[in-house]
């Protein structure tokens, strides 16, 4: 059975959730689906989409959550746009992290 791009993407998400880095994910997917099933570049691209907190080598950057909390401790009224620029991540990542920290967006206050 030939793996489709959807199957490969599901494998990447599974390995991402297991905490594998891009090299490990590439090795496991290619071992299961064939030598050229997916490139490391594609895995890095998808890992970035899944969590947007990986460095160029595919290693998790857990310090970003600490940095976000420190910025919020400084000034809890900062916009997600400002936090995005200061932490150099996507705005959706900031929003997702704020939701995970039980921070609620209050519009008009």
N, C-alpha and C. Protein backbone atom coordinates (compact mmCIF):
# COMPACT_ATOMS: atom_id res chain seq x y z
N UNK A 1 0.84 -1.18 0.00
CA UNK A 1 0.00 0.00 0.00
C UNK A 1 0.88 1.25 0.00
N UNK A 2 0.63 2.12 -0.93
CA UNK A 2 1.40 3.36 -1.02
C UNK A 2 0.81 4.40 -0.07
N UNK A 3 1.69 5.05 0.67
CA UNK A 3 1.24 6.07 1.62
C UNK A 3 0.87 7.34 0.87
N UNK A 4 -0.28 7.89 1.20
CA UNK A 4 -0.70 9.16 0.59
C UNK A 4 -0.17 10.30 1.43
N UNK A 5 -0.28 11.51 0.91
CA UNK A 5 0.20 12.67 1.66
C UNK A 5 -0.58 12.84 2.96
N UNK A 6 -1.84 12.46 2.96
CA UNK A 6 -2.65 12.54 4.19
C UNK A 6 -2.13 11.55 5.23
N UNK A 7 -1.79 10.35 4.80
CA UNK A 7 -1.23 9.36 5.73
C UNK A 7 0.10 9.85 6.31
N UNK A 8 0.95 10.40 5.45
CA UNK A 8 2.24 10.91 5.89
C UNK A 8 2.04 12.05 6.89
N UNK A 9 1.10 12.95 6.59
CA UNK A 9 0.83 14.07 7.48
C UNK A 9 0.33 13.57 8.84
N UNK A 10 -0.52 12.56 8.83
CA UNK A 10 -1.00 11.99 10.09
C UNK A 10 0.15 11.37 10.88
N UNK A 11 1.06 10.72 10.18
CA UNK A 11 2.24 10.16 10.84
C UNK A 11 3.09 11.27 11.45
N UNK A 12 3.26 12.36 10.69
CA UNK A 12 4.05 13.48 11.20
C UNK A 12 3.41 14.06 12.45
N UNK A 13 2.10 14.23 12.44
CA UNK A 13 1.40 14.77 13.62
C UNK A 13 1.56 13.83 14.81
N UNK A 14 1.43 12.54 14.58
CA UNK A 14 1.61 11.55 15.64
C UNK A 14 3.01 11.65 16.24
N UNK A 15 4.02 11.70 15.39
CA UNK A 15 5.40 11.77 15.86
C UNK A 15 5.69 13.11 16.53
N UNK A 16 5.10 14.18 16.01
CA UNK A 16 5.21 15.50 16.64
C UNK A 16 4.66 15.45 18.07
N UNK A 17 3.49 14.84 18.22
CA UNK A 17 2.87 14.74 19.54
C UNK A 17 3.66 13.84 20.49
N UNK A 18 4.41 12.91 19.94
CA UNK A 18 5.28 12.06 20.76
C UNK A 18 6.57 12.77 21.18
N UNK A 19 6.80 13.95 20.60
CA UNK A 19 7.99 14.71 20.94
C UNK A 19 9.22 14.36 20.12
N UNK A 20 9.02 13.67 19.00
CA UNK A 20 10.15 13.33 18.13
C UNK A 20 10.64 14.58 17.42
N UNK A 21 11.93 14.64 17.12
CA UNK A 21 12.43 15.75 16.32
C UNK A 21 12.29 15.40 14.85
N UNK A 22 12.63 16.33 13.97
CA UNK A 22 12.40 16.10 12.54
C UNK A 22 13.23 14.96 11.98
N UNK A 23 14.46 14.82 12.44
CA UNK A 23 15.31 13.73 11.94
C UNK A 23 14.75 12.37 12.34
N UNK A 24 14.30 12.26 13.59
CA UNK A 24 13.71 10.99 14.05
C UNK A 24 12.43 10.69 13.28
N UNK A 25 11.61 11.71 13.08
CA UNK A 25 10.36 11.53 12.34
C UNK A 25 10.65 11.07 10.92
N UNK A 26 11.63 11.70 10.28
CA UNK A 26 11.99 11.32 8.91
C UNK A 26 12.44 9.87 8.85
N UNK A 27 13.28 9.48 9.78
CA UNK A 27 13.78 8.11 9.80
C UNK A 27 12.64 7.10 9.97
N UNK A 28 11.73 7.37 10.91
CA UNK A 28 10.64 6.43 11.17
C UNK A 28 9.65 6.36 10.01
N UNK A 29 9.30 7.51 9.44
CA UNK A 29 8.35 7.51 8.33
C UNK A 29 8.95 6.81 7.11
N UNK A 30 10.21 7.10 6.79
CA UNK A 30 10.85 6.47 5.64
C UNK A 30 11.07 4.98 5.87
N UNK A 31 11.30 4.59 7.10
CA UNK A 31 11.44 3.17 7.42
C UNK A 31 10.12 2.44 7.18
N UNK A 32 9.02 3.08 7.52
CA UNK A 32 7.71 2.45 7.38
C UNK A 32 7.13 2.58 5.97
N UNK A 33 7.42 3.70 5.30
CA UNK A 33 6.73 3.99 4.03
C UNK A 33 7.62 4.00 2.80
N UNK A 34 8.89 3.81 2.96
CA UNK A 34 9.80 3.82 1.82
C UNK A 34 10.83 4.91 1.94
N UNK A 35 11.97 4.67 1.30
CA UNK A 35 13.14 5.53 1.46
C UNK A 35 12.86 7.00 1.19
N UNK A 36 12.11 7.31 0.17
CA UNK A 36 11.87 8.70 -0.21
C UNK A 36 10.43 9.13 0.07
N UNK A 37 9.84 8.61 1.11
CA UNK A 37 8.44 8.91 1.42
C UNK A 37 8.22 10.39 1.72
N UNK A 38 9.18 11.00 2.43
CA UNK A 38 9.05 12.42 2.79
C UNK A 38 10.44 12.97 3.09
N UNK A 39 10.61 14.25 2.80
CA UNK A 39 11.91 14.88 3.07
C UNK A 39 11.88 15.55 4.45
N UNK A 40 13.07 15.78 4.97
CA UNK A 40 13.18 16.49 6.26
C UNK A 40 12.60 17.89 6.13
N UNK A 41 12.80 18.53 4.96
CA UNK A 41 12.26 19.87 4.73
C UNK A 41 10.74 19.88 4.93
N UNK A 42 10.05 18.91 4.37
CA UNK A 42 8.59 18.83 4.49
C UNK A 42 8.20 18.60 5.95
N UNK A 43 8.92 17.74 6.63
CA UNK A 43 8.61 17.47 8.04
C UNK A 43 8.82 18.74 8.87
N UNK A 44 9.90 19.48 8.61
CA UNK A 44 10.13 20.74 9.33
C UNK A 44 8.98 21.71 9.08
N UNK A 45 8.55 21.78 7.84
CA UNK A 45 7.43 22.67 7.48
C UNK A 45 6.17 22.31 8.27
N UNK A 46 5.86 21.01 8.32
CA UNK A 46 4.65 20.59 9.03
C UNK A 46 4.80 20.69 10.53
N UNK A 47 5.96 20.38 11.07
CA UNK A 47 6.18 20.54 12.51
C UNK A 47 5.99 22.00 12.90
N UNK A 48 6.43 22.89 12.04
CA UNK A 48 6.25 24.32 12.30
C UNK A 48 4.76 24.66 12.33
N UNK A 49 4.01 24.10 11.39
CA UNK A 49 2.56 24.35 11.37
C UNK A 49 1.88 23.74 12.59
N UNK A 50 2.31 22.57 13.01
CA UNK A 50 1.68 21.90 14.15
C UNK A 50 1.88 22.68 15.44
N UNK A 51 3.04 23.21 15.65
CA UNK A 51 3.30 23.84 16.93
C UNK A 51 3.92 25.20 16.87
N UNK A 52 4.51 25.49 15.76
CA UNK A 52 5.20 26.75 15.55
C UNK A 52 6.12 27.11 16.70
N UNK A 53 6.69 26.12 17.33
CA UNK A 53 7.71 26.42 18.32
C UNK A 53 8.87 25.44 18.22
N UNK A 54 9.39 25.34 17.00
CA UNK A 54 10.55 24.52 16.73
C UNK A 54 11.63 25.38 16.12
N UNK A 55 12.87 25.13 16.47
CA UNK A 55 13.95 25.86 15.83
C UNK A 55 14.26 25.22 14.48
N UNK A 56 15.27 25.71 13.80
CA UNK A 56 15.57 25.22 12.46
C UNK A 56 16.00 23.77 12.43
N UNK A 57 16.43 23.22 13.55
CA UNK A 57 16.82 21.81 13.61
C UNK A 57 15.68 20.90 14.04
N UNK A 58 14.49 21.47 14.24
CA UNK A 58 13.34 20.66 14.61
C UNK A 58 13.24 20.36 16.08
N UNK A 59 14.00 21.08 16.91
CA UNK A 59 13.95 20.85 18.35
C UNK A 59 12.93 21.78 18.99
N UNK A 60 12.15 21.28 19.94
CA UNK A 60 11.15 22.14 20.60
C UNK A 60 11.80 23.31 21.33
N UNK A 61 11.12 24.45 21.30
CA UNK A 61 11.58 25.63 22.02
C UNK A 61 10.60 25.89 23.17
N UNK A 62 10.77 25.20 24.25
CA UNK A 62 9.86 25.32 25.39
C UNK A 62 10.04 26.62 26.15
N UNK A 63 11.16 27.28 25.93
CA UNK A 63 11.42 28.52 26.65
C UNK A 63 10.50 29.64 26.20
N UNK A 64 9.85 29.50 25.05
CA UNK A 64 8.95 30.54 24.55
C UNK A 64 7.77 30.74 25.51
N UNK A 65 7.27 29.66 26.13
CA UNK A 65 6.16 29.79 27.07
C UNK A 65 6.59 30.59 28.29
N UNK A 66 7.79 30.34 28.75
CA UNK A 66 8.32 31.09 29.90
C UNK A 66 8.47 32.55 29.52
N UNK A 67 9.00 32.79 28.32
CA UNK A 67 9.18 34.17 27.85
C UNK A 67 7.83 34.87 27.71
N UNK A 68 6.83 34.17 27.22
CA UNK A 68 5.49 34.75 27.09
C UNK A 68 4.96 35.14 28.46
N UNK A 69 5.10 34.26 29.44
CA UNK A 69 4.62 34.57 30.78
C UNK A 69 5.36 35.77 31.36
N UNK A 70 6.66 35.86 31.11
CA UNK A 70 7.43 37.00 31.60
C UNK A 70 6.94 38.31 30.97
N UNK A 71 6.64 38.28 29.67
CA UNK A 71 6.12 39.47 29.00
C UNK A 71 4.75 39.86 29.57
N UNK A 72 3.94 38.87 29.87
CA UNK A 72 2.62 39.14 30.45
C UNK A 72 2.75 39.68 31.87
N UNK A 73 3.75 39.19 32.60
CA UNK A 73 3.99 39.70 33.95
C UNK A 73 4.41 41.17 33.91
N UNK A 74 5.18 41.54 32.88
CA UNK A 74 5.58 42.93 32.69
C UNK A 74 4.38 43.83 32.45
N UNK A 75 3.54 43.39 31.49
CA UNK A 75 2.38 44.18 31.10
C UNK A 75 1.33 43.24 30.51
N UNK A 76 0.30 42.96 31.27
CA UNK A 76 -0.74 42.02 30.86
C UNK A 76 -1.65 42.57 29.77
N UNK A 77 -1.52 43.86 29.44
CA UNK A 77 -2.40 44.46 28.44
C UNK A 77 -1.78 44.49 27.04
N UNK A 78 -0.63 43.86 26.85
CA UNK A 78 0.00 43.85 25.54
C UNK A 78 -0.86 43.09 24.53
N UNK A 79 -0.90 43.60 23.32
CA UNK A 79 -1.68 42.93 22.27
C UNK A 79 -0.94 41.70 21.77
N UNK A 80 -1.68 40.81 21.13
CA UNK A 80 -1.05 39.62 20.54
C UNK A 80 -0.07 40.03 19.45
N UNK A 81 -0.35 41.13 18.77
CA UNK A 81 0.56 41.62 17.72
C UNK A 81 1.91 42.01 18.33
N UNK A 82 1.88 42.71 19.46
CA UNK A 82 3.12 43.11 20.13
C UNK A 82 3.86 41.87 20.65
N UNK A 83 3.13 40.94 21.26
CA UNK A 83 3.75 39.71 21.76
C UNK A 83 4.37 38.90 20.62
N UNK A 84 3.68 38.88 19.48
CA UNK A 84 4.19 38.18 18.30
C UNK A 84 5.53 38.75 17.86
N UNK A 85 5.63 40.06 17.80
CA UNK A 85 6.87 40.69 17.37
C UNK A 85 7.99 40.46 18.39
N UNK A 86 7.66 40.53 19.65
CA UNK A 86 8.70 40.39 20.67
C UNK A 86 9.22 38.96 20.78
N UNK A 87 8.34 37.98 20.56
CA UNK A 87 8.75 36.57 20.66
C UNK A 87 9.12 35.96 19.31
N UNK A 88 8.85 36.68 18.24
CA UNK A 88 9.16 36.23 16.88
C UNK A 88 8.50 34.89 16.55
N UNK A 89 7.19 34.81 16.80
CA UNK A 89 6.39 33.65 16.42
C UNK A 89 5.12 34.15 15.74
N UNK A 90 4.35 33.23 15.17
CA UNK A 90 3.10 33.61 14.53
C UNK A 90 2.06 34.05 15.55
N UNK A 91 1.15 34.91 15.10
CA UNK A 91 0.11 35.40 16.00
C UNK A 91 -0.79 34.25 16.47
N UNK A 92 -1.05 33.28 15.60
CA UNK A 92 -1.87 32.14 15.99
C UNK A 92 -1.22 31.34 17.12
N UNK A 93 0.11 31.29 17.13
CA UNK A 93 0.83 30.61 18.20
C UNK A 93 0.61 31.32 19.52
N UNK A 94 0.71 32.64 19.51
CA UNK A 94 0.46 33.43 20.72
C UNK A 94 -0.97 33.19 21.21
N UNK A 95 -1.91 33.23 20.29
CA UNK A 95 -3.31 33.02 20.68
C UNK A 95 -3.52 31.64 21.28
N UNK A 96 -2.91 30.63 20.67
CA UNK A 96 -3.04 29.25 21.17
C UNK A 96 -2.42 29.12 22.56
N UNK A 97 -1.25 29.72 22.75
CA UNK A 97 -0.58 29.66 24.05
C UNK A 97 -1.37 30.41 25.11
N UNK A 98 -1.94 31.54 24.75
CA UNK A 98 -2.75 32.30 25.71
C UNK A 98 -3.97 31.50 26.13
N UNK A 99 -4.61 30.82 25.18
CA UNK A 99 -5.75 29.97 25.52
C UNK A 99 -5.32 28.84 26.45
N UNK A 100 -4.16 28.25 26.18
CA UNK A 100 -3.66 27.17 27.03
C UNK A 100 -3.34 27.66 28.43
N UNK A 101 -3.00 28.95 28.54
CA UNK A 101 -2.71 29.55 29.86
C UNK A 101 -3.97 30.11 30.51
N UNK A 102 -5.13 29.85 29.91
CA UNK A 102 -6.43 30.34 30.40
C UNK A 102 -6.50 31.87 30.42
N UNK A 103 -5.82 32.49 29.47
CA UNK A 103 -5.92 33.93 29.29
C UNK A 103 -7.01 34.18 28.26
N UNK A 104 -7.97 35.03 28.59
CA UNK A 104 -9.12 35.25 27.73
C UNK A 104 -9.01 36.62 27.08
N UNK A 105 -9.26 36.66 25.78
CA UNK A 105 -9.27 37.91 25.05
C UNK A 105 -10.54 38.68 25.39
N UNK A 106 -10.39 39.92 25.84
CA UNK A 106 -11.53 40.74 26.18
C UNK A 106 -11.56 41.92 25.23
N UNK A 107 -12.51 41.91 24.33
CA UNK A 107 -12.63 42.96 23.33
C UNK A 107 -13.46 44.11 23.89
N UNK A 108 -12.98 45.33 23.70
CA UNK A 108 -13.74 46.50 24.09
C UNK A 108 -13.58 46.91 25.55
N UNK A 109 -12.62 46.32 26.25
CA UNK A 109 -12.40 46.71 27.65
C UNK A 109 -11.16 47.50 27.80
